[in-house]
Amino acid sequence: MKHFENDPRVIRTRFNSTCATCRTKIQKGAEAYYYPSSRQVFCLKCGEADYSQFLQSAQDEEFYQSQYR
């Protein structure tokens, strides 16, 4: 799957953060979902559904685009 600059991704945090949804503290070195376009970090519980939906949409788009190459 092709990755773009503003695609959300799973990161290991480099500093203490706060989840944008539930305001849970995310410790330095913990895994979290990062959305570069909005510069928001989500804990694994809050970000899982949206990230899964993004991956499914990206995979579908890649499949449909491959039919026109």
PDB file of N, CA and C in Angstrom:
ATOM      1  N   MET A   1       0.848  -1.173   0.000  1.00  0.00           N
ATOM      2  CA  MET A   1       0.000   0.000   0.000  1.00  0.00           C
ATOM      3  C   MET A   1       0.898   1.242   0.000  1.00  0.00           C
ATOM      4  N   LYS A   2       0.550   2.182  -0.821  1.00  0.00           N
ATOM      5  CA  LYS A   2       1.307   3.420  -0.921  1.00  0.00           C
ATOM      6  C   LYS A   2       1.003   4.308   0.287  1.00  0.00           C
ATOM      7  N   HIS A   3       2.036   4.894   0.869  1.00  0.00           N
ATOM      8  CA  HIS A   3       1.864   5.770   2.023  1.00  0.00           C
ATOM      9  C   HIS A   3       2.144   7.208   1.620  1.00  0.00           C
ATOM     10  N   PHE A   4       1.331   8.102   2.135  1.00  0.00           N
ATOM     11  CA  PHE A   4       1.485   9.519   1.860  1.00  0.00           C
ATOM     12  C   PHE A   4       1.845  10.268   3.141  1.00  0.00           C
ATOM     13  N   GLU A   5       2.318  11.475   2.981  1.00  0.00           N
ATOM     14  CA  GLU A   5       2.825  12.277   4.093  1.00  0.00           C
ATOM     15  C   GLU A   5       1.805  12.466   5.218  1.00  0.00           C
ATOM     16  N   ASN A   6       0.551  12.723   4.882  1.00  0.00           N
ATOM     17  CA  ASN A   6      -0.455  13.013   5.907  1.00  0.00           C
ATOM     18  C   ASN A   6      -1.308  11.815   6.299  1.00  0.00           C
ATOM     19  N   ASP A   7      -0.883  10.628   5.941  1.00  0.00           N
ATOM     20  CA  ASP A   7      -1.613   9.433   6.359  1.00  0.00           C
ATOM     21  C   ASP A   7      -1.424   9.216   7.855  1.00  0.00           C
ATOM     22  N   PRO A   8      -2.499   8.842   8.555  1.00  0.00           N
ATOM     23  CA  PRO A   8      -2.344   8.532   9.978  1.00  0.00           C
ATOM     24  C   PRO A   8      -1.472   7.280  10.138  1.00  0.00           C
ATOM     25  N   ARG A   9      -0.807   7.177  11.274  1.00  0.00           N
ATOM     26  CA  ARG A   9       0.071   6.033  11.501  1.00  0.00           C
ATOM     27  C   ARG A   9       0.230   5.776  12.995  1.00  0.00           C
ATOM     28  N   VAL A  10       0.714   4.589  13.304  1.00  0.00           N
ATOM     29  CA  VAL A  10       1.022   4.221  14.682  1.00  0.00           C
ATOM     30  C   VAL A  10       2.444   4.668  14.954  1.00  0.00           C
ATOM     31  N   ILE A  11       2.636   5.364  16.054  1.00  0.00           N
ATOM     32  CA  ILE A  11       3.971   5.851  16.416  1.00  0.00           C
ATOM     33  C   ILE A  11       4.311   5.433  17.836  1.00  0.00           C
ATOM     34  N   ARG A  12       5.561   5.512  18.163  1.00  0.00           N
ATOM     35  CA  ARG A  12       6.022   5.398  19.548  1.00  0.00           C
ATOM     36  C   ARG A  12       6.328   6.826  19.962  1.00  0.00           C
ATOM     37  N   THR A  13       5.610   7.323  20.958  1.00  0.00           N
ATOM     38  CA  THR A  13       5.713   8.736  21.322  1.00  0.00           C
ATOM     39  C   THR A  13       7.110   9.084  21.835  1.00  0.00           C
ATOM     40  N   ARG A  14       7.546  10.288  21.483  1.00  0.00           N
ATOM     41  CA  ARG A  14       8.864  10.757  21.916  1.00  0.00           C
ATOM     42  C   ARG A  14       8.776  11.654  23.138  1.00  0.00           C
ATOM     43  N   PHE A  15       7.563  11.993  23.532  1.00  0.00           N
ATOM     44  CA  PHE A  15       7.360  12.817  24.727  1.00  0.00           C
ATOM     45  C   PHE A  15       5.976  12.515  25.284  1.00  0.00           C
ATOM     46  N   ASN A  16       5.718  12.947  26.509  1.00  0.00           N
ATOM     47  CA  ASN A  16       4.407  12.726  27.119  1.00  0.00           C
ATOM     48  C   ASN A  16       3.350  13.485  26.334  1.00  0.00           C
ATOM     49  N   SER A  17       2.203  12.834  26.120  1.00  0.00           N
ATOM     50  CA  SER A  17       1.124  13.417  25.325  1.00  0.00           C
ATOM     51  C   SER A  17      -0.205  13.181  26.020  1.00  0.00           C
ATOM     52  N   THR A  18      -1.256  13.708  25.404  1.00  0.00           N
ATOM     53  CA  THR A  18      -2.615  13.518  25.902  1.00  0.00           C
ATOM     54  C   THR A  18      -3.494  13.114  24.734  1.00  0.00           C
ATOM     55  N   CYS A  19      -4.336  12.109  24.928  1.00  0.00           N
ATOM     56  CA  CYS A  19      -5.248  11.656  23.891  1.00  0.00           C
ATOM     57  C   CYS A  19      -6.219  12.786  23.549  1.00  0.00           C
ATOM     58  N   ALA A  20      -6.430  13.035  22.265  1.00  0.00           N
ATOM     59  CA  ALA A  20      -7.306  14.123  21.815  1.00  0.00           C
ATOM     60  C   ALA A  20      -8.772  13.846  22.118  1.00  0.00           C
ATOM     61  N   THR A  21      -9.150  12.594  22.325  1.00  0.00           N
ATOM     62  CA  THR A  21     -10.549  12.254  22.586  1.00  0.00           C
ATOM     63  C   THR A  21     -10.856  12.155  24.072  1.00  0.00           C
ATOM     64  N   CYS A  22     -10.164  11.248  24.757  1.00  0.00           N
ATOM     65  CA  CYS A  22     -10.517  10.970  26.159  1.00  0.00           C
ATOM     66  C   CYS A  22      -9.619  11.676  27.172  1.00  0.00           C
ATOM     67  N   ARG A  23      -8.616  12.391  26.681  1.00  0.00           N
ATOM     68  CA  ARG A  23      -7.690  13.160  27.536  1.00  0.00           C
ATOM     69  C   ARG A  23      -6.842  12.285  28.465  1.00  0.00           C
ATOM     70  N   THR A  24      -6.696  11.005  28.135  1.00  0.00           N
ATOM     71  CA  THR A  24      -5.835  10.111  28.892  1.00  0.00           C
ATOM     72  C   THR A  24      -4.379  10.481  28.638  1.00  0.00           C
ATOM     73  N   LYS A  25      -3.572  10.410  29.668  1.00  0.00           N
ATOM     74  CA  LYS A  25      -2.143  10.700  29.516  1.00  0.00           C
ATOM     75  C   LYS A  25      -1.471   9.549  28.771  1.00  0.00           C
ATOM     76  N   ILE A  26      -0.665   9.883  27.771  1.00  0.00           N
ATOM     77  CA  ILE A  26       0.107   8.903  27.011  1.00  0.00           C
ATOM     78  C   ILE A  26       1.569   9.145  27.358  1.00  0.00           C
ATOM     79  N   GLN A  27       2.182   8.162  27.964  1.00  0.00           N
ATOM     80  CA  GLN A  27       3.554   8.292  28.439  1.00  0.00           C
ATOM     81  C   GLN A  27       4.547   8.236  27.280  1.00  0.00           C
ATOM     82  N   LYS A  28       5.677   8.853  27.468  1.00  0.00           N
ATOM     83  CA  LYS A  28       6.772   8.816  26.497  1.00  0.00           C
ATOM     84  C   LYS A  28       7.146   7.352  26.243  1.00  0.00           C
ATOM     85  N   GLY A  29       7.266   6.979  24.970  1.00  0.00           N
ATOM     86  CA  GLY A  29       7.641   5.618  24.607  1.00  0.00           C
ATOM     87  C   GLY A  29       6.461   4.690  24.372  1.00  0.00           C
ATOM     88  N   ALA A  30       5.248   5.149  24.645  1.00  0.00           N
ATOM     89  CA  ALA A  30       4.057   4.321  24.419  1.00  0.00           C
ATOM     90  C   ALA A  30       3.622   4.431  22.965  1.00  0.00           C
ATOM     91  N   GLU A  31       2.906   3.426  22.480  1.00  0.00           N
ATOM     92  CA  GLU A  31       2.364   3.486  21.126  1.00  0.00           C
ATOM     93  C   GLU A  31       1.085   4.305  21.126  1.00  0.00           C
ATOM     94  N   ALA A  32       0.872   5.026  20.028  1.00  0.00           N
ATOM     95  CA  ALA A  32      -0.323   5.851  19.881  1.00  0.00           C
ATOM     96  C   ALA A  32      -0.581   6.055  18.393  1.00  0.00           C
ATOM     97  N   TYR A  33      -1.786   6.495  18.063  1.00  0.00           N
ATOM     98  CA  TYR A  33      -2.134   6.829  16.683  1.00  0.00           C
ATOM     99  C   TYR A  33      -1.884   8.320  16.483  1.00  0.00           C
ATOM    100  N   TYR A  34      -1.190   8.645  15.403  1.00  0.00           N
ATOM    101  CA  TYR A  34      -0.849  10.038  15.107  1.00  0.00           C
ATOM    102  C   TYR A  34      -1.453  10.429  13.766  1.00  0.00           C
ATOM    103  N   TYR A  35      -2.160  11.554  13.747  1.00  0.00           N
ATOM    104  CA  TYR A  35      -2.758  12.101  12.538  1.00  0.00           C
ATOM    105  C   TYR A  35      -2.023  13.395  12.188  1.00  0.00           C
ATOM    106  N   PRO A  36      -1.082  13.342  11.233  1.00  0.00           N
ATOM    107  CA  PRO A  36      -0.243  14.505  10.907  1.00  0.00           C
ATOM    108  C   PRO A  36      -1.011  15.724  10.417  1.00  0.00           C
ATOM    109  N   SER A  37      -2.094  15.524   9.671  1.00  0.00           N
ATOM    110  CA  SER A  37      -2.818  16.681   9.123  1.00  0.00           C
ATOM    111  C   SER A  37      -3.418  17.550  10.217  1.00  0.00           C
ATOM    112  N   SER A  38      -3.873  16.928  11.305  1.00  0.00           N
ATOM    113  CA  SER A  38      -4.448  17.698  12.412  1.00  0.00           C
ATOM    114  C   SER A  38      -3.482  17.800  13.597  1.00  0.00           C
ATOM    115  N   ARG A  39      -2.351  17.080  13.499  1.00  0.00           N
ATOM    116  CA  ARG A  39      -1.331  17.032  14.550  1.00  0.00           C
ATOM    117  C   ARG A  39      -1.912  16.561  15.879  1.00  0.00           C
ATOM    118  N   GLN A  40      -2.803  15.565  15.810  1.00  0.00           N
ATOM    119  CA  GLN A  40      -3.420  15.019  17.012  1.00  0.00           C
ATOM    120  C   GLN A  40      -2.908  13.611  17.283  1.00  0.00           C
ATOM    121  N   VAL A  41      -2.886  13.269  18.565  1.00  0.00           N
ATOM    122  CA  VAL A  41      -2.478  11.948  19.023  1.00  0.00           C
ATOM    123  C   VAL A  41      -3.660  11.322  19.737  1.00  0.00           C
ATOM    124  N   PHE A  42      -3.877  10.034  19.473  1.00  0.00           N
ATOM    125  CA  PHE A  42      -4.969   9.306  20.111  1.00  0.00           C
ATOM    126  C   PHE A  42      -4.414   8.060  20.775  1.00  0.00           C
ATOM    127  N   CYS A  43      -4.955   7.705  21.923  1.00  0.00           N
ATOM    128  CA  CYS A  43      -4.549   6.478  22.597  1.00  0.00           C
ATOM    129  C   CYS A  43      -4.999   5.290  21.740  1.00  0.00           C
ATOM    130  N   LEU A  44      -4.486   4.108  22.039  1.00  0.00           N
ATOM    131  CA  LEU A  44      -4.811   2.942  21.234  1.00  0.00           C
ATOM    132  C   LEU A  44      -6.290   2.594  21.286  1.00  0.00           C
ATOM    133  N   LYS A  45      -6.929   2.861  22.383  1.00  0.00           N
ATOM    134  CA  LYS A  45      -8.363   2.550  22.516  1.00  0.00           C
ATOM    135  C   LYS A  45      -9.220   3.497  21.672  1.00  0.00           C
ATOM    136  N   CYS A  46      -8.960   4.773  21.728  1.00  0.00           N
ATOM    137  CA  CYS A  46      -9.780   5.764  21.015  1.00  0.00           C
ATOM    138  C   CYS A  46      -9.495   5.814  19.521  1.00  0.00           C
ATOM    139  N   GLY A  47      -8.279   5.580  19.116  1.00  0.00           N
ATOM    140  CA  GLY A  47      -7.915   5.736  17.724  1.00  0.00           C
ATOM    141  C   GLY A  47      -8.068   4.497  16.867  1.00  0.00           C
ATOM    142  N   GLU A  48      -8.312   3.362  17.485  1.00  0.00           N
ATOM    143  CA  GLU A  48      -8.328   2.096  16.754  1.00  0.00           C
ATOM    144  C   GLU A  48      -9.400   2.038  15.661  1.00  0.00           C
ATOM    145  N   ALA A  49     -10.616   2.443  15.949  1.00  0.00           N
ATOM    146  CA  ALA A  49     -11.714   2.353  14.975  1.00  0.00           C
ATOM    147  C   ALA A  49     -11.456   3.240  13.757  1.00  0.00           C
ATOM    148  N   ASP A  50     -11.083   4.486  13.988  1.00  0.00           N
ATOM    149  CA  ASP A  50     -10.826   5.404  12.869  1.00  0.00           C
ATOM    150  C   ASP A  50      -9.626   4.959  12.043  1.00  0.00           C
ATOM    151  N   TYR A  51      -8.598   4.463  12.701  1.00  0.00           N
ATOM    152  CA  TYR A  51      -7.410   4.013  11.977  1.00  0.00           C
ATOM    153  C   TYR A  51      -7.730   2.783  11.129  1.00  0.00           C
ATOM    154  N   SER A  52      -8.503   1.857  11.672  1.00  0.00           N
ATOM    155  CA  SER A  52      -8.904   0.674  10.907  1.00  0.00           C
ATOM    156  C   SER A  52      -9.730   1.065   9.693  1.00  0.00           C
ATOM    157  N   GLN A  53     -10.629   2.017   9.875  1.00  0.00           N
ATOM    158  CA  GLN A  53     -11.448   2.499   8.763  1.00  0.00           C
ATOM    159  C   GLN A  53     -10.569   3.149   7.693  1.00  0.00           C
ATOM    160  N   PHE A  54      -9.581   3.926   8.113  1.00  0.00           N
ATOM    161  CA  PHE A  54      -8.650   4.539   7.160  1.00  0.00           C
ATOM    162  C   PHE A  54      -7.919   3.466   6.358  1.00  0.00           C
ATOM    163  N   LEU A  55      -7.406   2.430   7.026  1.00  0.00           N
ATOM    164  CA  LEU A  55      -6.680   1.378   6.331  1.00  0.00           C
ATOM    165  C   LEU A  55      -7.567   0.656   5.322  1.00  0.00           C
ATOM    166  N   GLN A  56      -8.810   0.389   5.699  1.00  0.00           N
ATOM    167  CA  GLN A  56      -9.732  -0.271   4.777  1.00  0.00           C
ATOM    168  C   GLN A  56     -10.020   0.608   3.563  1.00  0.00           C
ATOM    169  N   SER A  57     -10.248   1.885   3.784  1.00  0.00           N
ATOM    170  CA  SER A  57     -10.516   2.811   2.680  1.00  0.00           C
ATOM    171  C   SER A  57      -9.315   2.932   1.752  1.00  0.00           C
ATOM    172  N   ALA A  58      -8.124   3.012   2.320  1.00  0.00           N
ATOM    173  CA  ALA A  58      -6.905   3.122   1.515  1.00  0.00           C
ATOM    174  C   ALA A  58      -6.691   1.858   0.686  1.00  0.00           C
ATOM    175  N   GLN A  59      -6.969   0.704   1.272  1.00  0.00           N
ATOM    176  CA  GLN A  59      -6.820  -0.550   0.550  1.00  0.00           C
ATOM    177  C   GLN A  59      -7.837  -0.636  -0.589  1.00  0.00           C
ATOM    178  N   ASP A  60      -9.082  -0.230  -0.340  1.00  0.00           N
ATOM    179  CA  ASP A  60     -10.103  -0.221  -1.391  1.00  0.00           C
ATOM    180  C   ASP A  60      -9.715   0.719  -2.524  1.00  0.00           C
ATOM    181  N   GLU A  61      -9.236   1.906  -2.169  1.00  0.00           N
ATOM    182  CA  GLU A  61      -8.843   2.880  -3.181  1.00  0.00           C
ATOM    183  C   GLU A  61      -7.695   2.349  -4.031  1.00  0.00           C
ATOM    184  N   GLU A  62      -6.734   1.712  -3.400  1.00  0.00           N
ATOM    185  CA  GLU A  62      -5.616   1.158  -4.148  1.00  0.00           C
ATOM    186  C   GLU A  62      -6.087   0.062  -5.103  1.00  0.00           C
ATOM    187  N   PHE A  63      -7.010  -0.767  -4.664  1.00  0.00           N
ATOM    188  CA  PHE A  63      -7.542  -1.816  -5.525  1.00  0.00           C
ATOM    189  C   PHE A  63      -8.253  -1.224  -6.735  1.00  0.00           C
ATOM    190  N   TYR A  64      -9.126  -0.250  -6.511  1.00  0.00           N
ATOM    191  CA  TYR A  64      -9.868   0.343  -7.620  1.00  0.00           C
ATOM    192  C   TYR A  64      -8.939   1.107  -8.581  1.00  0.00           C
ATOM    193  N   GLN A  65      -7.931   1.777  -8.053  1.00  0.00           N
ATOM    194  CA  GLN A  65      -6.989   2.485  -8.898  1.00  0.00           C
ATOM    195  C   GLN A  65      -6.147   1.535  -9.732  1.00  0.00           C
ATOM    196  N   SER A  66      -5.868   0.348  -9.198  1.00  0.00           N
ATOM    197  CA  SER A  66      -5.050  -0.615  -9.931  1.00  0.00           C
ATOM    198  C   SER A  66      -5.758  -1.126 -11.183  1.00  0.00           C
ATOM    199  N   GLN A  67      -7.060  -1.023 -11.235  1.00  0.00           N
ATOM    200  CA  GLN A  67      -7.811  -1.475 -12.400  1.00  0.00           C
ATOM    201  C   GLN A  67      -7.646  -0.537 -13.591  1.00  0.00           C
ATOM    202  N   TYR A  68      -7.167   0.683 -13.365  1.00  0.00           N
ATOM    203  CA  TYR A  68      -7.036   1.681 -14.431  1.00  0.00           C
ATOM    204  C   TYR A  68      -5.595   1.889 -14.855  1.00  0.00           C
ATOM    205  N   ARG A  69      -4.690   1.079 -14.375  1.00  0.00           N
ATOM    206  CA  ARG A  69      -3.271   1.231 -14.735  1.00  0.00           C
ATOM    207  C   ARG A  69      -2.956   0.432 -15.956  1.00  0.00           C
TER     208      ARG A  69
END
